[in-house]
Every structure is written in structure tokens, then in C-alpha cells.
PDB file of N, CA and C in Angstrom:
ATOM      1  N   MET A   1     -19.921  17.478 -17.669  1.00  0.00           N
ATOM      2  CA  MET A   1     -19.392  16.135 -17.753  1.00  0.00           C
ATOM      3  C   MET A   1     -20.559  15.163 -17.925  1.00  0.00           C
ATOM      4  N   ASN A   2     -20.408  14.251 -18.824  1.00  0.00           N
ATOM      5  CA  ASN A   2     -21.514  13.325 -19.059  1.00  0.00           C
ATOM      6  C   ASN A   2     -21.493  12.168 -18.071  1.00  0.00           C
ATOM      7  N   ASN A   3     -22.555  11.392 -18.106  1.00  0.00           N
ATOM      8  CA  ASN A   3     -22.708  10.307 -17.123  1.00  0.00           C
ATOM      9  C   ASN A   3     -21.663   9.219 -17.277  1.00  0.00           C
ATOM     10  N   LYS A   4     -21.233   8.966 -18.522  1.00  0.00           N
ATOM     11  CA  LYS A   4     -20.247   7.908 -18.741  1.00  0.00           C
ATOM     12  C   LYS A   4     -18.909   8.263 -18.097  1.00  0.00           C
ATOM     13  N   GLU A   5     -18.473   9.503 -18.230  1.00  0.00           N
ATOM     14  CA  GLU A   5     -17.219   9.926 -17.609  1.00  0.00           C
ATOM     15  C   GLU A   5     -17.324   9.913 -16.089  1.00  0.00           C
ATOM     16  N   GLU A   6     -18.452  10.329 -15.561  1.00  0.00           N
ATOM     17  CA  GLU A   6     -18.654  10.292 -14.107  1.00  0.00           C
ATOM     18  C   GLU A   6     -18.617   8.867 -13.580  1.00  0.00           C
ATOM     19  N   PHE A   7     -19.221   7.951 -14.336  1.00  0.00           N
ATOM     20  CA  PHE A   7     -19.222   6.553 -13.921  1.00  0.00           C
ATOM     21  C   PHE A   7     -17.806   5.991 -13.909  1.00  0.00           C
ATOM     22  N   TYR A   8     -17.029   6.256 -14.968  1.00  0.00           N
ATOM     23  CA  TYR A   8     -15.654   5.764 -15.028  1.00  0.00           C
ATOM     24  C   TYR A   8     -14.805   6.367 -13.914  1.00  0.00           C
ATOM     25  N   ASN A   9     -15.023   7.616 -13.616  1.00  0.00           N
ATOM     26  CA  ASN A   9     -14.283   8.247 -12.521  1.00  0.00           C
ATOM     27  C   ASN A   9     -14.653   7.596 -11.189  1.00  0.00           C
ATOM     28  N   TRP A  10     -15.931   7.301 -11.000  1.00  0.00           N
ATOM     29  CA  TRP A  10     -16.375   6.632  -9.772  1.00  0.00           C
ATOM     30  C   TRP A  10     -15.748   5.243  -9.660  1.00  0.00           C
ATOM     31  N   VAL A  11     -15.666   4.522 -10.777  1.00  0.00           N
ATOM     32  CA  VAL A  11     -15.065   3.189 -10.771  1.00  0.00           C
ATOM     33  C   VAL A  11     -13.576   3.279 -10.424  1.00  0.00           C
ATOM     34  N   ARG A  12     -12.875   4.266 -10.976  1.00  0.00           N
ATOM     35  CA  ARG A  12     -11.453   4.455 -10.646  1.00  0.00           C
ATOM     36  C   ARG A  12     -11.266   4.735  -9.157  1.00  0.00           C
ATOM     37  N   LEU A  13     -12.076   5.641  -8.626  1.00  0.00           N
ATOM     38  CA  LEU A  13     -11.961   5.978  -7.207  1.00  0.00           C
ATOM     39  C   LEU A  13     -12.279   4.774  -6.319  1.00  0.00           C
ATOM     40  N   THR A  14     -13.279   4.001  -6.703  1.00  0.00           N
ATOM     41  CA  THR A  14     -13.632   2.811  -5.939  1.00  0.00           C
ATOM     42  C   THR A  14     -12.507   1.777  -5.994  1.00  0.00           C
ATOM     43  N   GLY A  15     -11.884   1.639  -7.156  1.00  0.00           N
ATOM     44  CA  GLY A  15     -10.760   0.719  -7.285  1.00  0.00           C
ATOM     45  C   GLY A  15      -9.594   1.115  -6.403  1.00  0.00           C
ATOM     46  N   PHE A  16      -9.278   2.407  -6.377  1.00  0.00           N
ATOM     47  CA  PHE A  16      -8.204   2.874  -5.495  1.00  0.00           C
ATOM     48  C   PHE A  16      -8.566   2.662  -4.030  1.00  0.00           C
ATOM     49  N   ALA A  17      -9.820   2.901  -3.675  1.00  0.00           N
ATOM     50  CA  ALA A  17     -10.238   2.755  -2.279  1.00  0.00           C
ATOM     51  C   ALA A  17     -10.163   1.297  -1.825  1.00  0.00           C
ATOM     52  N   THR A  18     -10.490   0.360  -2.711  1.00  0.00           N
ATOM     53  CA  THR A  18     -10.414  -1.051  -2.322  1.00  0.00           C
ATOM     54  C   THR A  18      -8.979  -1.563  -2.314  1.00  0.00           C
ATOM     55  N   LEU A  19      -8.075  -0.839  -2.936  1.00  0.00           N
ATOM     56  CA  LEU A  19      -6.668  -1.229  -2.948  1.00  0.00           C
ATOM     57  C   LEU A  19      -5.977  -0.941  -1.618  1.00  0.00           C
ATOM     58  N   ILE A  20      -6.443   0.052  -0.899  1.00  0.00           N
ATOM     59  CA  ILE A  20      -5.773   0.511   0.326  1.00  0.00           C
ATOM     60  C   ILE A  20      -5.617  -0.593   1.385  1.00  0.00           C
ATOM     61  N   PRO A  21      -6.644  -1.367   1.725  1.00  0.00           N
ATOM     62  CA  PRO A  21      -6.436  -2.402   2.759  1.00  0.00           C
ATOM     63  C   PRO A  21      -5.405  -3.454   2.361  1.00  0.00           C
ATOM     64  N   PHE A  22      -5.371  -3.804   1.074  1.00  0.00           N
ATOM     65  CA  PHE A  22      -4.399  -4.790   0.625  1.00  0.00           C
ATOM     66  C   PHE A  22      -2.979  -4.259   0.716  1.00  0.00           C
ATOM     67  N   VAL A  23      -2.802  -2.993   0.402  1.00  0.00           N
ATOM     68  CA  VAL A  23      -1.473  -2.381   0.515  1.00  0.00           C
ATOM     69  C   VAL A  23      -1.045  -2.319   1.977  1.00  0.00           C
ATOM     70  N   LEU A  24      -1.974  -1.952   2.856  1.00  0.00           N
ATOM     71  CA  LEU A  24      -1.645  -1.863   4.279  1.00  0.00           C
ATOM     72  C   LEU A  24      -1.308  -3.226   4.887  1.00  0.00           C
ATOM     73  N   LEU A  25      -1.884  -4.295   4.360  1.00  0.00           N
ATOM     74  CA  LEU A  25      -1.580  -5.632   4.879  1.00  0.00           C
ATOM     75  C   LEU A  25      -0.334  -6.238   4.256  1.00  0.00           C
ATOM     76  N   SER A  26      -0.115  -5.990   2.975  1.00  0.00           N
ATOM     77  CA  SER A  26       0.978  -6.673   2.287  1.00  0.00           C
ATOM     78  C   SER A  26       2.361  -6.184   2.727  1.00  0.00           C
ATOM     79  N   GLY A  27       2.493  -4.915   3.081  1.00  0.00           N
ATOM     80  CA  GLY A  27       3.796  -4.399   3.504  1.00  0.00           C
ATOM     81  C   GLY A  27       4.339  -5.081   4.748  1.00  0.00           C
ATOM     82  N   PRO A  28       3.595  -5.078   5.846  1.00  0.00           N
ATOM     83  CA  PRO A  28       4.102  -5.752   7.047  1.00  0.00           C
ATOM     84  C   PRO A  28       4.270  -7.270   6.878  1.00  0.00           C
ATOM     85  N   ILE A  29       3.358  -7.900   6.148  1.00  0.00           N
ATOM     86  CA  ILE A  29       3.485  -9.344   5.943  1.00  0.00           C
ATOM     87  C   ILE A  29       4.732  -9.649   5.120  1.00  0.00           C
ATOM     88  N   GLY A  30       4.932  -8.875   4.048  1.00  0.00           N
ATOM     89  CA  GLY A  30       6.127  -9.070   3.226  1.00  0.00           C
ATOM     90  C   GLY A  30       7.402  -8.791   3.999  1.00  0.00           C
ATOM     91  N   GLY A  31       7.395  -7.737   4.800  1.00  0.00           N
ATOM     92  CA  GLY A  31       8.562  -7.419   5.619  1.00  0.00           C
ATOM     93  C   GLY A  31       8.868  -8.515   6.621  1.00  0.00           C
ATOM     94  N   TYR A  32       7.845  -9.074   7.216  1.00  0.00           N
ATOM     95  CA  TYR A  32       8.034 -10.163   8.174  1.00  0.00           C
ATOM     96  C   TYR A  32       8.630 -11.394   7.495  1.00  0.00           C
ATOM     97  N   LEU A  33       8.093 -11.735   6.326  1.00  0.00           N
ATOM     98  CA  LEU A  33       8.589 -12.914   5.616  1.00  0.00           C
ATOM     99  C   LEU A  33      10.024 -12.715   5.132  1.00  0.00           C
ATOM    100  N   VAL A  34      10.341 -11.535   4.639  1.00  0.00           N
ATOM    101  CA  VAL A  34      11.719 -11.246   4.225  1.00  0.00           C
ATOM    102  C   VAL A  34      12.644 -11.290   5.434  1.00  0.00           C
ATOM    103  N   GLY A  35      12.189 -10.740   6.552  1.00  0.00           N
ATOM    104  CA  GLY A  35      13.000 -10.780   7.767  1.00  0.00           C
ATOM    105  C   GLY A  35      13.263 -12.195   8.245  1.00  0.00           C
ATOM    106  N   LEU A  36      12.239 -13.053   8.192  1.00  0.00           N
ATOM    107  CA  LEU A  36      12.440 -14.456   8.571  1.00  0.00           C
ATOM    108  C   LEU A  36      13.428 -15.145   7.642  1.00  0.00           C
ATOM    109  N   PHE A  37      13.283 -14.873   6.344  1.00  0.00           N
ATOM    110  CA  PHE A  37      14.201 -15.476   5.379  1.00  0.00           C
ATOM    111  C   PHE A  37      15.636 -15.040   5.649  1.00  0.00           C
ATOM    112  N   LEU A  38      15.839 -13.739   5.855  1.00  0.00           N
ATOM    113  CA  LEU A  38      17.191 -13.234   6.106  1.00  0.00           C
ATOM    114  C   LEU A  38      17.762 -13.778   7.415  1.00  0.00           C
ATOM    115  N   ALA A  39      16.916 -13.884   8.431  1.00  0.00           N
ATOM    116  CA  ALA A  39      17.378 -14.396   9.721  1.00  0.00           C
ATOM    117  C   ALA A  39      17.807 -15.861   9.614  1.00  0.00           C
ATOM    118  N   GLU A  40      17.057 -16.649   8.835  1.00  0.00           N
ATOM    119  CA  GLU A  40      17.409 -18.061   8.659  1.00  0.00           C
ATOM    120  C   GLU A  40      18.624 -18.227   7.749  1.00  0.00           C
ATOM    121  N   LYS A  41      18.648 -17.489   6.667  1.00  0.00           N
ATOM    122  CA  LYS A  41      19.707 -17.665   5.660  1.00  0.00           C
ATOM    123  C   LYS A  41      21.070 -17.202   6.172  1.00  0.00           C
ATOM    124  N   PHE A  42      21.109 -16.062   6.828  1.00  0.00           N
ATOM    125  CA  PHE A  42      22.372 -15.482   7.263  1.00  0.00           C
ATOM    126  C   PHE A  42      22.602 -15.593   8.763  1.00  0.00           C
ATOM    127  N   HIS A  43      21.778 -16.381   9.443  1.00  0.00           N
ATOM    128  CA  HIS A  43      21.900 -16.620  10.878  1.00  0.00           C
ATOM    129  C   HIS A  43      21.942 -15.311  11.667  1.00  0.00           C
ATOM    130  N   LEU A  44      20.997 -14.439  11.352  1.00  0.00           N
ATOM    131  CA  LEU A  44      20.890 -13.155  12.043  1.00  0.00           C
ATOM    132  C   LEU A  44      19.997 -13.312  13.263  1.00  0.00           C
ATOM    133  N   SER A  45      20.014 -12.304  14.113  1.00  0.00           N
ATOM    134  CA  SER A  45      19.132 -12.340  15.280  1.00  0.00           C
ATOM    135  C   SER A  45      17.703 -12.012  14.848  1.00  0.00           C
ATOM    136  N   ARG A  46      16.794 -12.193  15.758  1.00  0.00           N
ATOM    137  CA  ARG A  46      15.385 -11.909  15.461  1.00  0.00           C
ATOM    138  C   ARG A  46      15.119 -10.412  15.303  1.00  0.00           C
ATOM    139  N   ASN A  47      16.099  -9.591  15.641  1.00  0.00           N
ATOM    140  CA  ASN A  47      15.939  -8.151  15.428  1.00  0.00           C
ATOM    141  C   ASN A  47      15.845  -7.813  13.946  1.00  0.00           C
ATOM    142  N   ALA A  48      16.434  -8.650  13.108  1.00  0.00           N
ATOM    143  CA  ALA A  48      16.337  -8.439  11.657  1.00  0.00           C
ATOM    144  C   ALA A  48      14.884  -8.556  11.209  1.00  0.00           C
ATOM    145  N   VAL A  49      14.148  -9.449  11.839  1.00  0.00           N
ATOM    146  CA  VAL A  49      12.723  -9.596  11.508  1.00  0.00           C
ATOM    147  C   VAL A  49      11.971  -8.326  11.883  1.00  0.00           C
ATOM    148  N   LEU A  50      12.260  -7.777  13.042  1.00  0.00           N
ATOM    149  CA  LEU A  50      11.583  -6.557  13.475  1.00  0.00           C
ATOM    150  C   LEU A  50      11.933  -5.371  12.593  1.00  0.00           C
ATOM    151  N   ILE A  51      13.193  -5.292  12.169  1.00  0.00           N
ATOM    152  CA  ILE A  51      13.617  -4.195  11.297  1.00  0.00           C
ATOM    153  C   ILE A  51      12.918  -4.293   9.942  1.00  0.00           C
ATOM    154  N   CYS A  52      12.882  -5.488   9.375  1.00  0.00           N
ATOM    155  CA  CYS A  52      12.204  -5.670   8.088  1.00  0.00           C
ATOM    156  C   CYS A  52      10.703  -5.439   8.210  1.00  0.00           C
ATOM    157  N   LEU A  53      10.130  -5.819   9.333  1.00  0.00           N
ATOM    158  CA  LEU A  53       8.712  -5.566   9.564  1.00  0.00           C
ATOM    159  C   LEU A  53       8.434  -4.071   9.626  1.00  0.00           C
ATOM    160  N   ALA A  54       9.310  -3.329  10.286  1.00  0.00           N
ATOM    161  CA  ALA A  54       9.150  -1.876  10.365  1.00  0.00           C
ATOM    162  C   ALA A  54       9.308  -1.225   8.991  1.00  0.00           C
ATOM    163  N   ILE A  55      10.268  -1.698   8.208  1.00  0.00           N
ATOM    164  CA  ILE A  55      10.463  -1.149   6.860  1.00  0.00           C
ATOM    165  C   ILE A  55       9.251  -1.446   5.981  1.00  0.00           C
ATOM    166  N   GLY A  56       8.717  -2.644   6.069  1.00  0.00           N
ATOM    167  CA  GLY A  56       7.521  -2.995   5.302  1.00  0.00           C
ATOM    168  C   GLY A  56       6.309  -2.175   5.710  1.00  0.00           C
ATOM    169  N   SER A  57       6.172  -1.933   7.005  1.00  0.00           N
ATOM    170  CA  SER A  57       5.064  -1.112   7.489  1.00  0.00           C
ATOM    171  C   SER A  57       5.186   0.329   7.010  1.00  0.00           C
ATOM    172  N   LEU A  58       6.386   0.856   7.067  1.00  0.00           N
ATOM    173  CA  LEU A  58       6.620   2.220   6.591  1.00  0.00           C
ATOM    174  C   LEU A  58       6.357   2.330   5.091  1.00  0.00           C
ATOM    175  N   ALA A  59       6.812   1.348   4.341  1.00  0.00           N
ATOM    176  CA  ALA A  59       6.599   1.371   2.891  1.00  0.00           C
ATOM    177  C   ALA A  59       5.115   1.318   2.543  1.00  0.00           C
ATOM    178  N   SER A  60       4.355   0.492   3.236  1.00  0.00           N
ATOM    179  CA  SER A  60       2.924   0.412   2.933  1.00  0.00           C
ATOM    180  C   SER A  60       2.205   1.684   3.370  1.00  0.00           C
ATOM    181  N   PHE A  61       2.648   2.312   4.444  1.00  0.00           N
ATOM    182  CA  PHE A  61       2.055   3.577   4.868  1.00  0.00           C
ATOM    183  C   PHE A  61       2.315   4.670   3.828  1.00  0.00           C
ATOM    184  N   LEU A  62       3.546   4.746   3.323  1.00  0.00           N
ATOM    185  CA  LEU A  62       3.874   5.746   2.302  1.00  0.00           C
ATOM    186  C   LEU A  62       3.112   5.495   1.008  1.00  0.00           C
ATOM    187  N   GLN A  63       2.957   4.237   0.639  1.00  0.00           N
ATOM    188  CA  GLN A  63       2.202   3.915  -0.571  1.00  0.00           C
ATOM    189  C   GLN A  63       0.730   4.267  -0.399  1.00  0.00           C
ATOM    190  N   THR A  64       0.195   4.081   0.782  1.00  0.00           N
ATOM    191  CA  THR A  64      -1.194   4.458   1.046  1.00  0.00           C
ATOM    192  C   THR A  64      -1.377   5.963   0.905  1.00  0.00           C
ATOM    193  N   ILE A  65      -0.415   6.734   1.367  1.00  0.00           N
ATOM    194  CA  ILE A  65      -0.485   8.190   1.207  1.00  0.00           C
ATOM    195  C   ILE A  65      -0.486   8.559  -0.276  1.00  0.00           C
ATOM    196  N   LYS A  66       0.341   7.886  -1.084  1.00  0.00           N
ATOM    197  CA  LYS A  66       0.365   8.147  -2.525  1.00  0.00           C
ATOM    198  C   LYS A  66      -0.975   7.808  -3.175  1.00  0.00           C
ATOM    199  N   ILE A  67      -1.582   6.722  -2.757  1.00  0.00           N
ATOM    200  CA  ILE A  67      -2.878   6.333  -3.311  1.00  0.00           C
ATOM    201  C   ILE A  67      -3.933   7.365  -2.963  1.00  0.00           C
ATOM    202  N   ILE A  68      -3.942   7.837  -1.726  1.00  0.00           N
ATOM    203  CA  ILE A  68      -4.920   8.836  -1.303  1.00  0.00           C
ATOM    204  C   ILE A  68      -4.726  10.135  -2.069  1.00  0.00           C
ATOM    205  N   ARG A  69      -3.477  10.541  -2.287  1.00  0.00           N
ATOM    206  CA  ARG A  69      -3.214  11.760  -3.071  1.00  0.00           C
ATOM    207  C   ARG A  69      -3.718  11.602  -4.503  1.00  0.00           C
ATOM    208  N   THR A  70      -3.510  10.437  -5.084  1.00  0.00           N
ATOM    209  CA  THR A  70      -4.007  10.183  -6.437  1.00  0.00           C
ATOM    210  C   THR A  70      -5.525  10.234  -6.467  1.00  0.00           C
ATOM    211  N   MET A  71      -6.154   9.678  -5.459  1.00  0.00           N
ATOM    212  CA  MET A  71      -7.618   9.722  -5.387  1.00  0.00           C
ATOM    213  C   MET A  71      -8.110  11.164  -5.290  1.00  0.00           C
ATOM    214  N   LEU A  72      -7.443  11.985  -4.499  1.00  0.00           N
ATOM    215  CA  LEU A  72      -7.854  13.378  -4.363  1.00  0.00           C
ATOM    216  C   LEU A  72      -7.679  14.143  -5.670  1.00  0.00           C
ATOM    217  N   LYS A  73      -6.594  13.853  -6.409  1.00  0.00           N
ATOM    218  CA  LYS A  73      -6.399  14.501  -7.703  1.00  0.00           C
ATOM    219  C   LYS A  73      -7.486  14.100  -8.688  1.00  0.00           C
ATOM    220  N   LEU A  74      -7.851  12.827  -8.694  1.00  0.00           N
ATOM    221  CA  LEU A  74      -8.916  12.364  -9.581  1.00  0.00           C
ATOM    222  C   LEU A  74     -10.255  13.005  -9.218  1.00  0.00           C
ATOM    223  N   ASP A  75     -10.492  13.158  -7.932  1.00  0.00           N
ATOM    224  CA  ASP A  75     -11.762  13.739  -7.492  1.00  0.00           C
ATOM    225  C   ASP A  75     -11.825  15.223  -7.858  1.00  0.00           C
ATOM    226  N   LYS A  76     -10.723  15.960  -7.695  1.00  0.00           N
ATOM    227  CA  LYS A  76     -10.698  17.363  -8.054  1.00  0.00           C
ATOM    228  C   LYS A  76     -10.833  17.552  -9.560  1.00  0.00           C
ATOM    229  N   LYS A  77     -10.224  16.655 -10.307  1.00  0.00           N
ATOM    230  CA  LYS A  77     -10.262  16.722 -11.761  1.00  0.00           C
ATOM    231  C   LYS A  77     -11.676  16.503 -12.290  1.00  0.00           C
ATOM    232  N   SER A  78     -12.449  15.693 -11.600  1.00  0.00           N
ATOM    233  CA  SER A  78     -13.803  15.393 -12.069  1.00  0.00           C
ATOM    234  C   SER A  78     -14.784  16.532 -11.777  1.00  0.00           C
ATOM    235  N   LYS A  79     -14.438  17.423 -10.879  1.00  0.00           N
ATOM    236  CA  LYS A  79     -15.368  18.499 -10.529  1.00  0.00           C
ATOM    237  C   LYS A  79     -15.147  19.727 -11.342  1.00  0.00           C
TER     238      LYS A  79
END
């Protein structure tokens, strides 16, 4: 493998690695905001906020696992 391909692979892996913290933060924040909106709009209890927060956290955790799997596939492919 030449240096140019190795460099591009390194850039891809670095991009995926820097994406992980944003994904982990955006899920719970988005879930909280959606929960607040639903609680205000439909006059629900505050439990709706907690449920949406949990769903957002779970979604960001699952997406992080997908990103890590993609990173591992890229790393194996480069070797």
C-alpha cells in the first residue's frame, strides 16, 4: 500500500474518531429537547422527558457502536 492510501485511511479513521463525542452528546440532548417539546405541547408529565432522554441515549450508544465497527473494518482493510 502506498503512502497516499495510508494517509487517506488515517484521515478517515481520525474523522470517525472525532465524530464519536458529538454523537454521544447529541442523542441525549436531542431526546431531552424532544421530551420537553412533547411535554409542553401535549401536556404530558415530566416522565415523557425522561423516556425521550433514555431513547436518545440508547440511540447515540447504538450509533457509536456502528461507528466503531466501521472504524475496525477500515483498519482491517488497510492491513
